[in-house]
Each structure stands twice: as C-alpha cells, then as structure tokens.
C-alpha cells in the first residue's frame, strides 16, 4: 500500500483517485522550533497524547536531539534551515552519526515534494542537491525515508508513479523509492 501525507483534508478524495491511501495531517502537528527546551516540551506533550511526532529540520542541535529521541517518528526536511554549504560538501542537515541514530531509533527522514516545488529555481537546485546527499547517507546507514507530497493544494499532488520517479531522480534505488512511499504507514499505524 502506498501512502501520501496531506496537509489539507479536502484533498483526500483526489489523492485516493490517484491511487494513494491518504494520511491527513494537521499542520500544527509538525513541530517547528529552534529552541531545545521548547522542542523537549512539545515532544513530551505529543508523546503523552499518543500522537506521531514529526519535527521539521532546523539547526544541527535540533536535528541531533530529534534523532536521539526514540519518541520521535520523523525528521522532516533536515536540510530546511541550511544557509551555507561547507567547502567540500553540502550542509544537508545530516551526517553519518545522525543517520546511525535515526536507523537505531527507527526514525524516518521525510522528504516533502511541495516544499521543493514552492522554491525559486536557484534555491530549488540547492535544496535538491542537499536532499540527494541525504539520500546517499540514508542508503549507506539503512535509514528509512518517507517521500510524500505534504500537499496543501491540488497543484501539489502527484501520482504514486510520479513520486516514485522523483525519488529515483533524487538518487534512490527503485526499491528504496518504493519503500519510501510505504514507510508513512508505519508512522501512522495504518
């Protein structure tokens, strides 16, 4: 079964027609913060309510805290808040240590199609190169990926074949691309 994560409940029927089993996610459930204390408070609160915990990527400290905490389900777009790259590699929000933490704690790394689509061409190219580096790291350390549209409007929706193809273009193996469409079911117990 292939899953797509939607941020708008009105898109459920359209997503089903495309061949997905849609998962409707309220935007407020995605934890966005740059403060360590606030992150821990929100994670504890969500865990107490038995809600899947999804954290939007931020600086290195937040990403590391998210991947060290077994209560977290997904780190979405770890490359999101990156400003400058290093001299010899991309500042993609992940490294070998963080990928090991994610694999050990069964935390998925999320890739959002709609976040990529909304960017200006120059920013989009930079974001895609960072995502490609993260995919290589995730494959090397057996970290699970979730590729989904995170659509807010009908323009952000893709069919399963298009999302799978996007994953392959970004550097996933065909097997990894197929699994990335199925892994969301593990997070939301579907």
C-alpha atoms as a PDB file:
ATOM      1  CA  UNK A   1       0.000   0.000   0.000  1.00  0.00           C
ATOM      2  CA  UNK A   2       1.373   3.435  -0.928  1.00  0.00           C
ATOM      3  CA  UNK A   3       0.673   6.398   1.327  1.00  0.00           C
ATOM      4  CA  UNK A   4       0.674  10.130   0.790  1.00  0.00           C
ATOM      5  CA  UNK A   5       0.674  12.689   3.578  1.00  0.00           C
ATOM      6  CA  UNK A   6      -1.667  15.630   3.028  1.00  0.00           C
ATOM      7  CA  UNK A   7      -1.954  18.889   4.953  1.00  0.00           C
ATOM      8  CA  UNK A   8      -5.444  19.624   3.602  1.00  0.00           C
ATOM      9  CA  UNK A   9      -8.383  17.280   4.295  1.00  0.00           C
ATOM     10  CA  UNK A  10     -10.172  18.478   1.137  1.00  0.00           C
ATOM     11  CA  UNK A  11      -7.574  16.660  -0.996  1.00  0.00           C
ATOM     12  CA  UNK A  12      -8.381  13.207   0.406  1.00  0.00           C
ATOM     13  CA  UNK A  13     -10.733  12.135  -2.379  1.00  0.00           C
ATOM     14  CA  UNK A  14      -8.426  13.379  -5.134  1.00  0.00           C
ATOM     15  CA  UNK A  15      -5.472  11.555  -3.558  1.00  0.00           C
ATOM     16  CA  UNK A  16      -7.472   8.313  -3.406  1.00  0.00           C
ATOM     17  CA  UNK A  17      -8.280   8.646  -7.126  1.00  0.00           C
ATOM     18  CA  UNK A  18      -4.559   8.921  -7.839  1.00  0.00           C
ATOM     19  CA  UNK A  19      -4.008   5.577  -6.086  1.00  0.00           C
ATOM     20  CA  UNK A  20      -2.829   6.570  -2.624  1.00  0.00           C
ATOM     21  CA  UNK A  21      -4.112   5.778   0.801  1.00  0.00           C
ATOM     22  CA  UNK A  22      -4.028   9.362   2.077  1.00  0.00           C
ATOM     23  CA  UNK A  23      -2.968  10.342   5.572  1.00  0.00           C
ATOM     24  CA  UNK A  24      -4.390  13.684   6.663  1.00  0.00           C
ATOM     25  CA  UNK A  25      -2.016  15.592   8.903  1.00  0.00           C
ATOM     26  CA  UNK A  26      -2.830  18.797  10.706  1.00  0.00           C
ATOM     27  CA  UNK A  27      -0.077  21.371  10.110  1.00  0.00           C
ATOM     28  CA  UNK A  28       0.069  22.079  13.809  1.00  0.00           C
ATOM     29  CA  UNK A  29       1.321  18.540  14.492  1.00  0.00           C
ATOM     30  CA  UNK A  30       4.616  19.305  12.755  1.00  0.00           C
ATOM     31  CA  UNK A  31       6.917  20.655  15.445  1.00  0.00           C
ATOM     32  CA  UNK A  32       8.839  23.735  14.298  1.00  0.00           C
ATOM     33  CA  UNK A  33      11.274  25.215  16.762  1.00  0.00           C
ATOM     34  CA  UNK A  34      14.847  26.374  17.152  1.00  0.00           C
ATOM     35  CA  UNK A  35      14.878  26.139  20.956  1.00  0.00           C
ATOM     36  CA  UNK A  36      15.920  22.969  22.748  1.00  0.00           C
ATOM     37  CA  UNK A  37      13.602  23.443  25.754  1.00  0.00           C
ATOM     38  CA  UNK A  38      10.599  24.122  23.566  1.00  0.00           C
ATOM     39  CA  UNK A  39      11.370  21.033  21.465  1.00  0.00           C
ATOM     40  CA  UNK A  40      11.542  18.776  24.523  1.00  0.00           C
ATOM     41  CA  UNK A  41       8.309  20.223  25.929  1.00  0.00           C
ATOM     42  CA  UNK A  42       6.434  19.729  22.633  1.00  0.00           C
ATOM     43  CA  UNK A  43       7.797  16.196  22.162  1.00  0.00           C
ATOM     44  CA  UNK A  44       6.740  15.234  25.690  1.00  0.00           C
ATOM     45  CA  UNK A  45       3.300  16.764  25.182  1.00  0.00           C
ATOM     46  CA  UNK A  46       2.741  14.982  21.851  1.00  0.00           C
ATOM     47  CA  UNK A  47       4.020  11.687  23.247  1.00  0.00           C
ATOM     48  CA  UNK A  48       1.616  11.938  26.188  1.00  0.00           C
ATOM     49  CA  UNK A  49      -1.263  12.382  23.712  1.00  0.00           C
ATOM     50  CA  UNK A  50      -0.013   9.359  21.715  1.00  0.00           C
ATOM     51  CA  UNK A  51       0.409  11.447  18.544  1.00  0.00           C
ATOM     52  CA  UNK A  52       3.119  10.629  15.964  1.00  0.00           C
ATOM     53  CA  UNK A  53       5.908  13.151  16.448  1.00  0.00           C
ATOM     54  CA  UNK A  54       7.160  14.899  13.314  1.00  0.00           C
ATOM     55  CA  UNK A  55       9.877  17.526  13.672  1.00  0.00           C
ATOM     56  CA  UNK A  56      10.771  19.999  10.938  1.00  0.00           C
ATOM     57  CA  UNK A  57      14.519  20.127  10.368  1.00  0.00           C
ATOM     58  CA  UNK A  58      16.368  23.021  11.918  1.00  0.00           C
ATOM     59  CA  UNK A  59      19.932  23.599  13.114  1.00  0.00           C
ATOM     60  CA  UNK A  60      22.360  20.800  13.958  1.00  0.00           C
ATOM     61  CA  UNK A  61      21.427  20.700  17.655  1.00  0.00           C
ATOM     62  CA  UNK A  62      17.691  20.348  16.990  1.00  0.00           C
ATOM     63  CA  UNK A  63      18.255  17.678  14.321  1.00  0.00           C
ATOM     64  CA  UNK A  64      20.508  15.722  16.668  1.00  0.00           C
ATOM     65  CA  UNK A  65      18.071  15.966  19.585  1.00  0.00           C
ATOM     66  CA  UNK A  66      15.254  14.806  17.319  1.00  0.00           C
ATOM     67  CA  UNK A  67      17.182  11.774  16.068  1.00  0.00           C
ATOM     68  CA  UNK A  68      18.419  10.762  19.523  1.00  0.00           C
ATOM     69  CA  UNK A  69      14.890  10.700  20.976  1.00  0.00           C
ATOM     70  CA  UNK A  70      13.133   7.355  20.404  1.00  0.00           C
ATOM     71  CA  UNK A  71       9.713   9.003  20.786  1.00  0.00           C
ATOM     72  CA  UNK A  72      10.177  10.917  17.506  1.00  0.00           C
ATOM     73  CA  UNK A  73       8.644   9.331  14.384  1.00  0.00           C
ATOM     74  CA  UNK A  74      10.067  11.508  11.598  1.00  0.00           C
ATOM     75  CA  UNK A  75      12.543  14.300  10.953  1.00  0.00           C
ATOM     76  CA  UNK A  76      11.038  16.220   8.045  1.00  0.00           C
ATOM     77  CA  UNK A  77      13.380  18.068   5.684  1.00  0.00           C
ATOM     78  CA  UNK A  78      16.578  18.127   7.769  1.00  0.00           C
ATOM     79  CA  UNK A  79      18.049  20.422   5.094  1.00  0.00           C
ATOM     80  CA  UNK A  80      15.302  23.047   5.580  1.00  0.00           C
ATOM     81  CA  UNK A  81      17.108  25.757   7.557  1.00  0.00           C
ATOM     82  CA  UNK A  82      20.541  25.470   5.947  1.00  0.00           C
ATOM     83  CA  UNK A  83      22.092  28.710   4.751  1.00  0.00           C
ATOM     84  CA  UNK A  84      25.617  27.989   3.520  1.00  0.00           C
ATOM     85  CA  UNK A  85      27.437  24.868   2.411  1.00  0.00           C
ATOM     86  CA  UNK A  86      30.867  23.784   3.575  1.00  0.00           C
ATOM     87  CA  UNK A  87      33.913  23.940   1.333  1.00  0.00           C
ATOM     88  CA  UNK A  88      33.919  20.266   0.315  1.00  0.00           C
ATOM     89  CA  UNK A  89      30.383  19.046   0.981  1.00  0.00           C
ATOM     90  CA  UNK A  90      26.792  20.170   1.287  1.00  0.00           C
ATOM     91  CA  UNK A  91      25.391  21.345   4.595  1.00  0.00           C
ATOM     92  CA  UNK A  92      22.431  18.987   4.344  1.00  0.00           C
ATOM     93  CA  UNK A  93      21.408  18.660   7.989  1.00  0.00           C
ATOM     94  CA  UNK A  94      22.502  15.014   8.236  1.00  0.00           C
ATOM     95  CA  UNK A  95      25.796  13.226   8.693  1.00  0.00           C
ATOM     96  CA  UNK A  96      26.863   9.643   9.334  1.00  0.00           C
ATOM     97  CA  UNK A  97      26.328   9.929  13.104  1.00  0.00           C
ATOM     98  CA  UNK A  98      22.786  11.303  12.753  1.00  0.00           C
ATOM     99  CA  UNK A  99      21.885   8.648  10.182  1.00  0.00           C
ATOM    100  CA  UNK A 100      23.039   5.946  12.606  1.00  0.00           C
ATOM    101  CA  UNK A 101      20.896   7.453  15.375  1.00  0.00           C
ATOM    102  CA  UNK A 102      17.911   7.540  13.015  1.00  0.00           C
ATOM    103  CA  UNK A 103      18.401   3.909  11.963  1.00  0.00           C
ATOM    104  CA  UNK A 104      18.871   2.678  15.562  1.00  0.00           C
ATOM    105  CA  UNK A 105      15.817   4.573  16.833  1.00  0.00           C
ATOM    106  CA  UNK A 106      13.629   3.748  13.787  1.00  0.00           C
ATOM    107  CA  UNK A 107      13.139   7.417  12.923  1.00  0.00           C
ATOM    108  CA  UNK A 108      12.291   8.170   9.320  1.00  0.00           C
ATOM    109  CA  UNK A 109      13.723  11.047   7.302  1.00  0.00           C
ATOM    110  CA  UNK A 110      10.953  12.887   5.445  1.00  0.00           C
ATOM    111  CA  UNK A 111      11.173  14.478   2.006  1.00  0.00           C
ATOM    112  CA  UNK A 112       8.422  16.929   1.071  1.00  0.00           C
ATOM    113  CA  UNK A 113       7.609  17.407  -2.615  1.00  0.00           C
ATOM    114  CA  UNK A 114       5.535  20.559  -2.031  1.00  0.00           C
ATOM    115  CA  UNK A 115       8.392  22.211  -0.096  1.00  0.00           C
ATOM    116  CA  UNK A 116      10.701  21.636  -3.063  1.00  0.00           C
ATOM    117  CA  UNK A 117       8.111  22.792  -5.588  1.00  0.00           C
ATOM    118  CA  UNK A 118       7.484  26.143  -3.882  1.00  0.00           C
ATOM    119  CA  UNK A 119      11.116  27.288  -4.077  1.00  0.00           C
ATOM    120  CA  UNK A 120      12.661  29.622  -6.635  1.00  0.00           C
ATOM    121  CA  UNK A 121      14.782  27.776  -9.258  1.00  0.00           C
ATOM    122  CA  UNK A 122      18.174  28.603  -7.715  1.00  0.00           C
ATOM    123  CA  UNK A 123      17.032  27.661  -4.193  1.00  0.00           C
ATOM    124  CA  UNK A 124      15.325  24.525  -5.550  1.00  0.00           C
ATOM    125  CA  UNK A 125      18.556  23.331  -7.174  1.00  0.00           C
ATOM    126  CA  UNK A 126      20.453  23.860  -3.937  1.00  0.00           C
ATOM    127  CA  UNK A 127      17.777  22.063  -1.868  1.00  0.00           C
ATOM    128  CA  UNK A 128      17.692  19.126  -4.314  1.00  0.00           C
ATOM    129  CA  UNK A 129      21.481  18.711  -4.112  1.00  0.00           C
ATOM    130  CA  UNK A 130      21.239  18.588  -0.310  1.00  0.00           C
ATOM    131  CA  UNK A 131      18.405  16.045  -0.474  1.00  0.00           C
ATOM    132  CA  UNK A 132      20.482  13.908  -2.849  1.00  0.00           C
ATOM    133  CA  UNK A 133      23.339  13.889  -0.340  1.00  0.00           C
ATOM    134  CA  UNK A 134      20.932  12.904   2.451  1.00  0.00           C
ATOM    135  CA  UNK A 135      19.543  10.045   0.358  1.00  0.00           C
ATOM    136  CA  UNK A 136      23.062   8.668  -0.159  1.00  0.00           C
ATOM    137  CA  UNK A 137      23.734   8.854   3.581  1.00  0.00           C
ATOM    138  CA  UNK A 138      20.408   7.200   4.399  1.00  0.00           C
ATOM    139  CA  UNK A 139      21.063   4.354   1.967  1.00  0.00           C
ATOM    140  CA  UNK A 140      24.554   3.793   3.389  1.00  0.00           C
ATOM    141  CA  UNK A 141      23.321   3.619   7.004  1.00  0.00           C
ATOM    142  CA  UNK A 142      19.964   1.872   6.333  1.00  0.00           C
ATOM    143  CA  UNK A 143      17.894   4.827   7.467  1.00  0.00           C
ATOM    144  CA  UNK A 144      14.283   4.742   6.281  1.00  0.00           C
ATOM    145  CA  UNK A 145      12.915   7.533   4.111  1.00  0.00           C
ATOM    146  CA  UNK A 146       9.385   8.861   3.634  1.00  0.00           C
ATOM    147  CA  UNK A 147       8.679  10.586   0.330  1.00  0.00           C
ATOM    148  CA  UNK A 148       5.304  12.336   0.299  1.00  0.00           C
ATOM    149  CA  UNK A 149       3.670  15.380  -1.219  1.00  0.00           C
ATOM    150  CA  UNK A 150       2.666  17.135   2.042  1.00  0.00           C
ATOM    151  CA  UNK A 151       0.152  18.854  -0.246  1.00  0.00           C
ATOM    152  CA  UNK A 152      -1.892  21.860   0.759  1.00  0.00           C
ATOM    153  CA  UNK A 153      -3.441  22.389  -2.672  1.00  0.00           C
ATOM    154  CA  UNK A 154      -4.362  20.243  -5.653  1.00  0.00           C
ATOM    155  CA  UNK A 155      -1.342  21.585  -7.575  1.00  0.00           C
ATOM    156  CA  UNK A 156       0.992  19.878  -5.094  1.00  0.00           C
ATOM    157  CA  UNK A 157      -0.388  16.368  -5.696  1.00  0.00           C
ATOM    158  CA  UNK A 158       1.458  13.751  -7.723  1.00  0.00           C
ATOM    159  CA  UNK A 159       0.519  10.190  -8.603  1.00  0.00           C
ATOM    160  CA  UNK A 160       2.406   7.324  -6.938  1.00  0.00           C
ATOM    161  CA  UNK A 161       4.322   6.740 -10.174  1.00  0.00           C
ATOM    162  CA  UNK A 162       5.406  10.371 -10.332  1.00  0.00           C
ATOM    163  CA  UNK A 163       6.512  10.409  -6.693  1.00  0.00           C
ATOM    164  CA  UNK A 164       8.381   7.130  -7.183  1.00  0.00           C
ATOM    165  CA  UNK A 165      10.082   8.596 -10.270  1.00  0.00           C
ATOM    166  CA  UNK A 166      11.015  11.719  -8.318  1.00  0.00           C
ATOM    167  CA  UNK A 167      12.639   9.523  -5.690  1.00  0.00           C
ATOM    168  CA  UNK A 168      14.669   7.713  -8.328  1.00  0.00           C
ATOM    169  CA  UNK A 169      15.736  11.002  -9.922  1.00  0.00           C
ATOM    170  CA  UNK A 170      16.827  12.230  -6.492  1.00  0.00           C
ATOM    171  CA  UNK A 171      19.107   9.192  -6.163  1.00  0.00           C
ATOM    172  CA  UNK A 172      17.010   6.475  -4.542  1.00  0.00           C
ATOM    173  CA  UNK A 173      17.223   2.939  -5.800  1.00  0.00           C
ATOM    174  CA  UNK A 174      13.893   1.634  -7.165  1.00  0.00           C
ATOM    175  CA  UNK A 175      13.489  -0.500  -4.040  1.00  0.00           C
ATOM    176  CA  UNK A 176      14.230   2.470  -1.779  1.00  0.00           C
ATOM    177  CA  UNK A 177      11.761   4.640  -3.742  1.00  0.00           C
ATOM    178  CA  UNK A 178       9.005   2.019  -3.341  1.00  0.00           C
ATOM    179  CA  UNK A 179       9.697   1.673   0.378  1.00  0.00           C
ATOM    180  CA  UNK A 180       9.706   5.454   0.844  1.00  0.00           C
ATOM    181  CA  UNK A 181       6.061   5.531  -0.292  1.00  0.00           C
ATOM    182  CA  UNK A 182       5.128   2.736   2.125  1.00  0.00           C
ATOM    183  CA  UNK A 183       7.025   3.873   5.252  1.00  0.00           C
ATOM    184  CA  UNK A 184       4.468   6.523   6.221  1.00  0.00           C
ATOM    185  CA  UNK A 185       2.079   3.691   7.118  1.00  0.00           C
ATOM    186  CA  UNK A 186       4.451   2.595   9.894  1.00  0.00           C
ATOM    187  CA  UNK A 187       4.378   6.056  11.476  1.00  0.00           C
ATOM    188  CA  UNK A 188       0.596   6.376  11.464  1.00  0.00           C
ATOM    189  CA  UNK A 189      -0.089   2.684  12.214  1.00  0.00           C
ATOM    190  CA  UNK A 190      -2.124   2.088   9.080  1.00  0.00           C
END
